[in-house]
Amino acid sequence: MLSIIVPAYNAENTIKQSINNLLDNDCFEIIIIENGSTDKTTDVVEEVVDKHSNVKLLHSTPGVSNARNCGIELASGDYIAFLDADDYYEVNTLIEFYSRAKKDGYDILMGAYSRDYANLKEKHYYYNEEKVFNSSNIDEFVRDTLIPEKGVGLVWGKVIKTSLLKNEELVFNPKLSFAEDAEMMFRTAIKSRKIGYIPEILYHYTFNPNSAVRKYKEDLDQRYILAMRAVLSDIRNTENGDKYLESYYTFVNNHLLIIAVNFSFSPFNGKKYQVNKNEFRKLCQEDVFKLGLEHPNYKKLSKSRAIPLFFVKHHLYYLMYLVVRFRHKQFKKRNEESV
């Protein structure tokens, strides 16, 4: 059986659609974990539970990591798949992946995904062909979990062996609210012996312009610093972990750019440019970001990220500010098109 873990926070309008194609299938155990909702999520899910025997409703303390950890603890399937409450799986493909993972003994089997906008679907393939990562090349996958543009550090769109998570005591870090997926997948990949990738669309990610990643938060910079330090600690606690440092530097630099766009130079923070510049310059001196900027690898980044990183590295903050303003205009246009 495949246990599908679905954190549900204020998901009254999306949760039914997210799990609809999974209902009444003996292959699936659907574990929905409500975690502090202020809407009618619980009522909606209880209606589903009353009608479908393969759906369970649990409650956890707030936070997606707490919800997922609750699901892992109570999962009874031999494999687990994570699902966000506004996304959905291709059900037949999911069954095929589950069967293939069991048959071929994968610790993790990953598919491609579709990024769904209101009027557009973009297909994303992590690699160009089917791949198997084992003792000879698994370090490649581990490194890729730290390259955000690769995307393999996301926990959804994969089937993961339950015994791997439970035997190795692999859980999400509840202290993290950003980059928690990559931090978890990094540790999980290190403990894995066989990981596979099949270039078929398995998962549909629904673009949400109000996603936590894109919203301005007063303490966003500190949350990211906490996550960067957690991953660095993971590397230092890993035997021969230094071989992952180059990817870690790219990981850090990517997230520094995210902070610049969504926090430091965001038009929503209400501060003047000079104040933002001084605060961002100070942020760049934080241990983890200073380490990343000392080791920029522009070749690992797309031009849309490499150029802004060059600006930051060389203290060209006004050019970075202009890049951020342009990006927010793009966001606004995309949001309007998604309505």
Foldseek 3Di string as FASTA:
>chain_A
DEEEAEEDAQLLPFQCVACVVVFPDPVYQYEYEYEDHPDCPVVSLVVVVVPGVRYHYHYFHDDPQRSVQVSLVPDPDQKYAYDYRRKHWPVVVVVVQVVVCVVVVFQKEAEWAWEDFQPDIDTGFLDPAKDKDAPVHLVVVLLLLLQVVSPPLARHRMIGGSCLCVVVVQGFDRLARPSSSSLSVNVSSVSTGMYIYHHDHTMYHYDDLPDPLQAADPCVLVRVVVVLVSSVVVLVPDVVSVVSVLSSLNSLLVVLLSCLQRPLLDPPVPDDPVVSLVVSLVSCPPPRNVVSLVRDDLVSDDPLRSVLSVCVSVSVVVVNSVSSVVVVVVSVVSVVVRD
